[in-house]
Amino acid sequence: MSKKPLILGIESSCDETAASIITENEKGVPTILSNIISSQIDVHKEFGGVVPELAARTHIEKIDLITKKAIDKSGVKIEDIDAVAATAGPGLIVCLSVGLSFGKAIAYSINKPFIAVNHLEGHALSPKLNTKLNYPYLLLLISGGHTQFLSVSGLGKYKRLGTTIDDAVGEAFDKTAKMLGIEFPGGPQIEVYAKKGDSNRYELPKPILHKGGCNLSFAGLKTAVLKITKQVKTEQDKYDLAASFQKTVEEILYQKSKVAFKEFKNFNNNKGDTFVVAGGVAANKKIREVLKNLCKEEKFNAIFPAINLCGDNAAMIALVGLEKFKLNQFNELDHPANPRWPLDKNAIFLKGSGVRL
């Protein structure tokens, strides 16, 4: 029996220092042997957000220990690893450089191939770690830095159908939490607050809901929340605003996903009926429920990563490495970090003033 590949994945694009080792079983299904994630919440809490320089310094302090833990937990020896995959972008350049350099150093030291991974491609393929995934599929990538619909035809084959023209939905969650006085990282707590509130109390805007195809906008929603927070006086007010915000986002994603379904079908000549939702915001259980119900209505198959694989992690980076390893898609050790690295390199940049829809 031929040896199954062992891939070491390293992730340091923002404020998570992570390392993972994966392989695949006899049927070619990816298997996680270890997946270690070190959060930096305590480092950035007092600043209310990620400070790039502090994040990079913490990566430097922890990456060796985290990688050693991943190797030890996996039960394999470092010399048995067949390739090293590290996030090369997009992300914070000072943070990316730490994991990328470390990954290159390990690959060089054990004389094994190096694979530069697009962090977004890790999210795009992450459901493969817990379910079978067939191409083509429609991807909704929702995270702190990205919100976009893409048609996925295969490894490295992406066509962007829609994107946010301003803020990412995860950023809107984080900023709303900060305005409500929720301690960093507050985004996930919005859903907790929302359970205690009246979602109909505040009428919030849904920018470009009925125009722009499946492009999205969240800046106006965030501004509206800011205005209302100036009048918030009680805890119940906070709960009600969080609930109204959560409901508004659900309605935006529901409507825009419905449009994206049609565009996806048109682009793929009516082939494909799978809807993958990935990224940190995909862990929001209410959003999952809303999008699952939409899929039932539209006869699509809804697929999400496991909750613990929605946020930044190295298992998804190792997974992309595994896919590329099998195709002999390797990179040189001088591959640069790329803070802006879109999945669809031909997509038009839509952010900023003067955007026309």
Protein backbone atom coordinates (compact mmCIF):
# COMPACT_ATOMS: atom_id res chain seq x y z
CA MET A 1 0.00 0.00 0.00
CA SER A 2 1.40 3.42 -1.02
CA LYS A 3 2.08 5.92 1.73
CA LYS A 4 -0.64 8.53 2.22
CA PRO A 5 0.67 12.11 2.09
CA LEU A 6 1.24 13.98 5.34
CA ILE A 7 0.87 17.74 5.08
CA LEU A 8 1.86 20.33 7.67
CA GLY A 9 -0.24 23.50 7.46
CA ILE A 10 0.67 26.84 9.05
CA GLU A 11 -1.65 29.85 9.44
CA SER A 12 -0.76 33.36 10.69
CA SER A 13 -2.71 35.76 8.48
CA CYS A 14 -4.23 37.76 11.35
CA ASP A 15 -4.40 37.03 15.08
CA GLU A 16 -4.52 33.23 15.20
CA THR A 17 -1.28 31.28 15.38
CA ALA A 18 -2.14 27.83 14.06
CA ALA A 19 -0.56 24.60 12.87
CA SER A 20 -2.13 21.36 11.67
CA ILE A 21 -1.19 18.02 10.19
CA ILE A 22 -3.60 16.22 7.89
CA THR A 23 -3.49 13.14 5.71
CA GLU A 24 -6.18 11.14 3.89
CA ASN A 25 -7.63 7.68 4.39
CA GLU A 26 -7.75 4.79 1.92
CA LYS A 27 -10.79 6.35 0.22
CA GLY A 28 -9.03 9.67 -0.30
CA VAL A 29 -11.00 11.46 2.44
CA PRO A 30 -9.00 14.15 4.32
CA THR A 31 -8.23 13.25 7.93
CA ILE A 32 -7.13 15.75 10.57
CA LEU A 33 -4.37 14.33 12.77
CA SER A 34 -3.92 17.55 14.72
CA ASN A 35 -5.21 21.11 14.58
CA ILE A 36 -3.73 23.50 17.15
CA ILE A 37 -4.93 27.11 17.35
CA SER A 38 -3.57 29.77 19.68
CA SER A 39 -5.82 32.81 20.05
CA GLN A 40 -4.56 36.32 20.81
CA ILE A 41 -7.73 37.65 22.44
CA ASP A 42 -5.96 38.69 25.63
CA VAL A 43 -3.25 40.50 23.64
CA HIS A 44 -5.67 42.76 21.76
CA LYS A 45 -8.60 43.02 24.20
CA GLU A 46 -7.59 46.36 25.74
CA PHE A 47 -7.30 47.93 22.27
CA GLY A 48 -10.71 46.76 21.07
CA GLY A 49 -9.26 45.26 17.90
CA VAL A 50 -6.23 43.58 16.36
CA VAL A 51 -2.99 45.58 16.52
CA PRO A 52 -0.84 44.25 13.64
CA GLU A 53 2.55 44.77 15.28
CA LEU A 54 1.47 43.05 18.50
CA ALA A 55 -0.10 40.22 16.50
CA ALA A 56 3.13 39.66 14.56
CA ARG A 57 5.24 39.70 17.72
CA THR A 58 2.94 37.13 19.33
CA HIS A 59 3.15 34.91 16.23
CA ILE A 60 6.94 35.01 16.49
CA GLU A 61 6.79 34.04 20.16
CA LYS A 62 4.34 31.16 19.69
CA ILE A 63 4.68 29.66 16.23
CA ASP A 64 7.50 27.26 17.08
CA LEU A 65 5.65 25.94 20.16
CA ILE A 66 2.30 25.63 18.33
CA THR A 67 3.90 23.74 15.42
CA LYS A 68 5.70 21.40 17.81
CA LYS A 69 2.39 20.71 19.59
CA ALA A 70 0.72 19.91 16.27
CA ILE A 71 3.48 17.48 15.31
CA ASP A 72 3.50 15.82 18.74
CA LYS A 73 -0.29 15.44 18.82
CA SER A 74 -0.37 13.97 15.31
CA GLY A 75 1.92 11.13 16.33
CA VAL A 76 4.14 11.59 13.28
CA LYS A 77 7.77 12.61 13.00
CA ILE A 78 8.71 15.84 11.29
CA GLU A 79 10.88 13.99 8.77
CA ASP A 80 7.80 11.98 7.68
CA ILE A 81 5.98 15.12 6.53
CA ASP A 82 5.67 15.22 2.73
CA ALA A 83 5.07 18.95 2.24
CA VAL A 84 4.67 22.18 4.17
CA ALA A 85 1.79 24.52 3.32
CA ALA A 86 1.66 28.06 4.72
CA THR A 87 -0.72 30.97 4.26
CA ALA A 88 0.83 33.53 1.89
CA GLY A 89 -2.14 35.91 1.75
CA PRO A 90 -4.41 37.72 1.98
CA GLY A 91 -4.00 39.18 5.44
CA LEU A 92 -1.84 41.50 7.52
CA ILE A 93 1.59 41.60 5.87
CA VAL A 94 3.54 41.60 9.16
CA CYS A 95 1.56 38.57 10.35
CA LEU A 96 1.66 36.66 7.07
CA SER A 97 5.44 37.03 6.92
CA VAL A 98 5.91 35.17 10.21
CA GLY A 99 4.09 31.97 9.26
CA LEU A 100 5.27 32.08 5.67
CA SER A 101 8.93 32.39 6.64
CA PHE A 102 8.58 29.70 9.29
CA GLY A 103 6.92 27.31 6.84
CA LYS A 104 9.64 27.88 4.26
CA ALA A 105 12.33 27.25 6.88
CA ILE A 106 10.79 23.91 7.87
CA ALA A 107 10.36 22.83 4.23
CA TYR A 108 14.00 23.70 3.53
CA SER A 109 15.29 21.99 6.67
CA ILE A 110 13.57 18.67 5.89
CA ASN A 111 14.06 19.01 2.12
CA LYS A 112 10.36 18.74 1.29
CA PRO A 113 8.15 20.76 -1.10
CA PHE A 114 6.74 24.11 -0.04
CA ILE A 115 3.19 25.20 -0.92
CA ALA A 116 1.97 28.81 -0.67
CA VAL A 117 -1.74 28.87 0.16
CA ASN A 118 -4.42 31.50 -0.39
CA HIS A 119 -6.19 31.88 2.96
CA LEU A 120 -9.54 32.36 1.20
CA GLU A 121 -9.07 29.12 -0.71
CA GLY A 122 -8.65 27.44 2.66
CA HIS A 123 -12.09 28.71 3.69
CA ALA A 124 -13.52 27.77 0.29
CA LEU A 125 -12.44 24.14 0.61
CA SER A 126 -12.83 23.81 4.40
CA PRO A 127 -16.13 21.82 4.25
CA LYS A 128 -14.14 19.03 2.59
CA LEU A 129 -12.76 18.31 6.05
CA ASN A 130 -16.14 17.04 7.22
CA THR A 131 -18.22 16.30 4.11
CA LYS A 132 -18.04 15.26 0.47
CA LEU A 133 -17.93 18.25 -1.85
CA ASN A 134 -18.51 18.11 -5.60
CA TYR A 135 -17.79 20.82 -8.18
CA PRO A 136 -19.24 23.16 -9.25
CA TYR A 137 -20.67 24.79 -6.16
CA LEU A 138 -21.74 28.26 -5.09
CA LEU A 139 -19.66 29.68 -2.26
CA LEU A 140 -20.69 32.40 0.16
CA LEU A 141 -17.54 33.46 1.96
CA ILE A 142 -18.43 35.52 5.04
CA SER A 143 -15.72 36.60 7.45
CA GLY A 144 -14.27 39.63 9.20
CA GLY A 145 -12.51 40.81 6.07
CA HIS A 146 -14.46 39.29 3.19
CA THR A 147 -18.02 38.91 1.96
CA GLN A 148 -18.44 37.47 -1.52
CA PHE A 149 -20.28 34.97 -3.70
CA LEU A 150 -18.13 32.79 -5.95
CA SER A 151 -18.75 29.99 -8.39
CA VAL A 152 -16.19 27.27 -7.63
CA SER A 153 -15.37 24.95 -10.54
CA GLY A 154 -12.31 23.28 -9.05
CA LEU A 155 -9.05 23.90 -7.22
CA GLY A 156 -7.92 27.39 -8.22
CA LYS A 157 -10.98 27.93 -10.45
CA TYR A 158 -13.11 30.75 -9.08
CA LYS A 159 -15.52 33.21 -10.64
CA ARG A 160 -16.73 36.02 -8.39
CA LEU A 161 -20.44 36.67 -8.82
CA GLY A 162 -20.84 39.30 -6.12
CA THR A 163 -18.99 41.03 -3.31
CA THR A 164 -19.38 43.75 -0.70
CA ILE A 165 -18.79 47.22 -2.10
CA ASP A 166 -17.66 48.49 1.30
CA ASP A 167 -17.54 46.61 4.62
CA ALA A 168 -17.45 42.87 5.19
CA VAL A 169 -20.35 41.42 7.15
CA GLY A 170 -17.98 40.18 9.87
CA GLU A 171 -16.62 43.70 10.28
CA ALA A 172 -20.18 45.00 10.65
CA PHE A 173 -20.75 42.44 13.43
CA ASP A 174 -17.52 43.41 15.19
CA LYS A 175 -18.13 47.17 14.92
CA THR A 176 -21.74 46.83 16.10
CA ALA A 177 -20.52 44.86 19.11
CA LYS A 178 -17.93 47.53 19.88
CA MET A 179 -20.58 50.28 19.65
CA LEU A 180 -22.72 48.31 22.10
CA GLY A 181 -19.82 48.10 24.53
CA ILE A 182 -19.26 44.37 24.08
CA GLU A 183 -15.69 43.34 24.86
CA PHE A 184 -13.43 42.28 21.96
CA PRO A 185 -13.91 40.01 20.09
CA GLY A 186 -17.58 41.01 20.20
CA GLY A 187 -18.93 39.86 16.83
CA PRO A 188 -19.97 36.37 17.97
CA GLN A 189 -21.65 37.88 21.05
CA ILE A 190 -24.17 39.76 18.91
CA GLU A 191 -26.05 36.51 18.37
CA VAL A 192 -26.08 35.90 22.14
CA TYR A 193 -27.45 39.41 22.81
CA ALA A 194 -29.98 39.03 20.00
CA LYS A 195 -31.63 36.07 21.72
CA LYS A 196 -32.68 38.39 24.55
CA GLY A 197 -33.99 41.20 22.35
CA ASP A 198 -36.91 42.32 20.20
CA SER A 199 -35.76 42.07 16.57
CA ASN A 200 -38.60 44.32 15.39
CA ARG A 201 -37.88 47.27 17.64
CA TYR A 202 -35.44 49.12 15.36
CA GLU A 203 -35.90 49.54 11.61
CA LEU A 204 -32.46 49.32 10.04
CA PRO A 205 -31.48 49.90 6.39
CA LYS A 206 -30.71 47.15 3.89
CA PRO A 207 -28.48 48.95 1.35
CA ILE A 208 -28.68 47.93 -2.35
CA LEU A 209 -31.02 45.07 -1.42
CA HIS A 210 -32.91 45.23 -4.70
CA LYS A 211 -30.11 46.34 -7.03
CA GLY A 212 -26.53 45.47 -7.85
CA GLY A 213 -27.19 41.78 -8.44
CA CYS A 214 -25.69 39.81 -5.59
CA ASN A 215 -23.28 42.56 -4.54
CA LEU A 216 -23.74 43.65 -0.94
CA SER A 217 -23.24 46.73 1.24
CA PHE A 218 -23.00 47.00 5.02
CA ALA A 219 -21.56 50.48 5.64
CA GLY A 220 -24.99 52.15 5.78
CA LEU A 221 -26.23 49.54 8.22
CA LYS A 222 -23.23 50.14 10.45
CA THR A 223 -23.79 53.92 10.35
CA ALA A 224 -27.46 53.49 11.31
CA VAL A 225 -26.46 51.37 14.29
CA LEU A 226 -24.00 54.09 15.37
CA LYS A 227 -26.75 56.72 15.36
CA ILE A 228 -29.08 54.54 17.42
CA THR A 229 -26.42 53.62 20.00
CA LYS A 230 -26.28 57.29 21.01
CA GLN A 231 -29.82 56.87 22.37
CA VAL A 232 -29.29 53.44 23.95
CA LYS A 233 -29.70 53.68 27.73
CA THR A 234 -30.51 50.22 29.10
CA GLU A 235 -29.29 46.68 28.67
CA GLN A 236 -32.62 45.83 27.04
CA ASP A 237 -31.99 48.57 24.48
CA LYS A 238 -28.71 46.83 23.64
CA TYR A 239 -30.39 43.46 23.32
CA ASP A 240 -33.08 44.93 21.06
CA LEU A 241 -30.53 46.65 18.82
CA ALA A 242 -28.44 43.49 18.58
CA ALA A 243 -31.57 41.51 17.66
CA SER A 244 -32.61 44.08 15.05
CA PHE A 245 -29.10 44.07 13.58
CA GLN A 246 -28.96 40.25 13.48
CA LYS A 247 -32.35 40.07 11.77
CA THR A 248 -31.36 42.71 9.21
CA VAL A 249 -28.18 40.83 8.28
CA GLU A 250 -30.17 37.60 7.97
CA GLU A 251 -32.61 39.29 5.59
CA ILE A 252 -29.80 40.77 3.48
CA LEU A 253 -27.97 37.44 3.18
CA TYR A 254 -31.23 35.62 2.43
CA GLN A 255 -32.21 37.98 -0.39
CA LYS A 256 -28.74 38.29 -1.90
CA SER A 257 -28.16 34.53 -1.74
CA LYS A 258 -31.41 34.03 -3.61
CA VAL A 259 -30.12 36.29 -6.40
CA ALA A 260 -26.75 34.51 -6.32
CA PHE A 261 -28.47 31.14 -6.86
CA LYS A 262 -29.86 32.40 -10.17
CA GLU A 263 -26.55 33.90 -11.28
CA PHE A 264 -24.74 30.69 -10.34
CA LYS A 265 -27.18 28.56 -12.36
CA ASN A 266 -26.84 30.88 -15.36
CA PHE A 267 -23.05 30.87 -15.17
CA ASN A 268 -22.89 27.06 -14.97
CA ASN A 269 -25.59 26.29 -17.57
CA ASN A 270 -27.95 25.08 -14.85
CA LYS A 271 -25.36 22.65 -13.42
CA GLY A 272 -24.69 22.39 -9.71
CA ASP A 273 -27.04 22.66 -6.74
CA THR A 274 -24.65 22.95 -3.78
CA PHE A 275 -24.38 26.07 -1.62
CA VAL A 276 -21.30 26.26 0.61
CA VAL A 277 -21.17 28.88 3.36
CA ALA A 278 -17.73 29.32 4.93
CA GLY A 279 -15.70 31.80 6.99
CA GLY A 280 -15.98 32.98 10.58
CA VAL A 281 -19.53 34.34 10.28
CA ALA A 282 -20.68 30.90 9.06
CA ALA A 283 -20.50 29.89 12.73
CA ASN A 284 -23.53 32.13 13.44
CA LYS A 285 -26.24 29.54 14.09
CA LYS A 286 -29.17 31.80 13.18
CA ILE A 287 -27.58 32.69 9.84
CA ARG A 288 -27.03 28.99 9.22
CA GLU A 289 -30.69 28.30 9.93
CA VAL A 290 -31.91 31.07 7.60
CA LEU A 291 -29.68 29.95 4.73
CA LYS A 292 -30.58 26.28 5.22
CA ASN A 293 -34.26 27.21 4.94
CA LEU A 294 -33.52 29.17 1.76
CA CYS A 295 -31.79 26.12 0.30
CA LYS A 296 -34.86 24.00 1.02
CA GLU A 297 -37.01 26.55 -0.80
CA GLU A 298 -34.66 26.74 -3.80
CA LYS A 299 -33.77 23.02 -3.85
CA PHE A 300 -30.09 23.59 -3.11
CA ASN A 301 -27.91 21.45 -0.85
CA ALA A 302 -26.55 23.55 2.05
CA ILE A 303 -23.06 22.69 3.28
CA PHE A 304 -21.19 24.37 6.16
CA PRO A 305 -17.81 23.62 7.75
CA ALA A 306 -17.85 22.24 11.28
CA ILE A 307 -18.29 25.14 13.74
CA ASN A 308 -14.70 24.78 14.97
CA LEU A 309 -13.41 25.05 11.39
CA CYS A 310 -15.27 28.24 10.44
CA GLY A 311 -12.71 30.63 11.90
CA ASP A 312 -9.06 30.86 10.91
CA ASN A 313 -7.30 27.52 11.35
CA ALA A 314 -4.39 25.59 9.86
CA ALA A 315 -6.33 22.43 8.95
CA MET A 316 -7.93 24.26 6.02
CA ILE A 317 -4.49 25.49 4.93
CA ALA A 318 -3.11 21.95 5.11
CA LEU A 319 -6.14 20.76 3.12
CA VAL A 320 -5.32 23.11 0.23
CA GLY A 321 -1.74 21.91 0.55
CA LEU A 322 -2.92 18.30 0.25
CA GLU A 323 -4.96 19.09 -2.87
CA LYS A 324 -2.01 20.87 -4.47
CA PHE A 325 0.45 18.19 -3.39
CA LYS A 326 -1.49 15.57 -5.32
CA LEU A 327 -1.22 17.76 -8.42
CA ASN A 328 2.47 18.56 -7.85
CA GLN A 329 1.67 22.26 -7.54
CA PHE A 330 4.61 23.50 -5.50
CA ASN A 331 6.15 26.94 -4.94
CA GLU A 332 9.66 28.28 -4.71
CA LEU A 333 11.02 29.38 -1.35
CA ASP A 334 11.11 33.00 -2.49
CA HIS A 335 7.32 33.14 -2.89
CA PRO A 336 6.23 36.53 -1.44
CA ALA A 337 3.54 37.34 1.09
CA ASN A 338 0.55 38.92 -0.65
CA PRO A 339 -1.75 41.01 1.59
CA ARG A 340 -4.27 41.33 -1.27
CA TRP A 341 -4.81 38.05 -3.09
CA PRO A 342 -8.29 37.60 -4.59
CA LEU A 343 -9.55 34.14 -5.49
CA ASP A 344 -10.81 35.50 -8.81
CA LYS A 345 -7.85 37.45 -10.19
CA ASN A 346 -10.01 38.86 -13.00
CA ALA A 347 -12.67 40.31 -10.69
CA ILE A 348 -13.10 44.09 -10.73
CA PHE A 349 -12.24 45.91 -7.49
CA LEU A 350 -15.53 47.35 -6.25
CA LYS A 351 -14.69 49.11 -2.99
CA GLY A 352 -14.42 52.84 -2.46
CA SER A 353 -16.15 55.98 -3.62
CA GLY A 354 -17.55 56.17 -7.11
CA VAL A 355 -18.75 52.56 -7.23
CA ARG A 356 -21.60 52.18 -9.69
CA LEU A 357 -24.03 49.27 -9.58
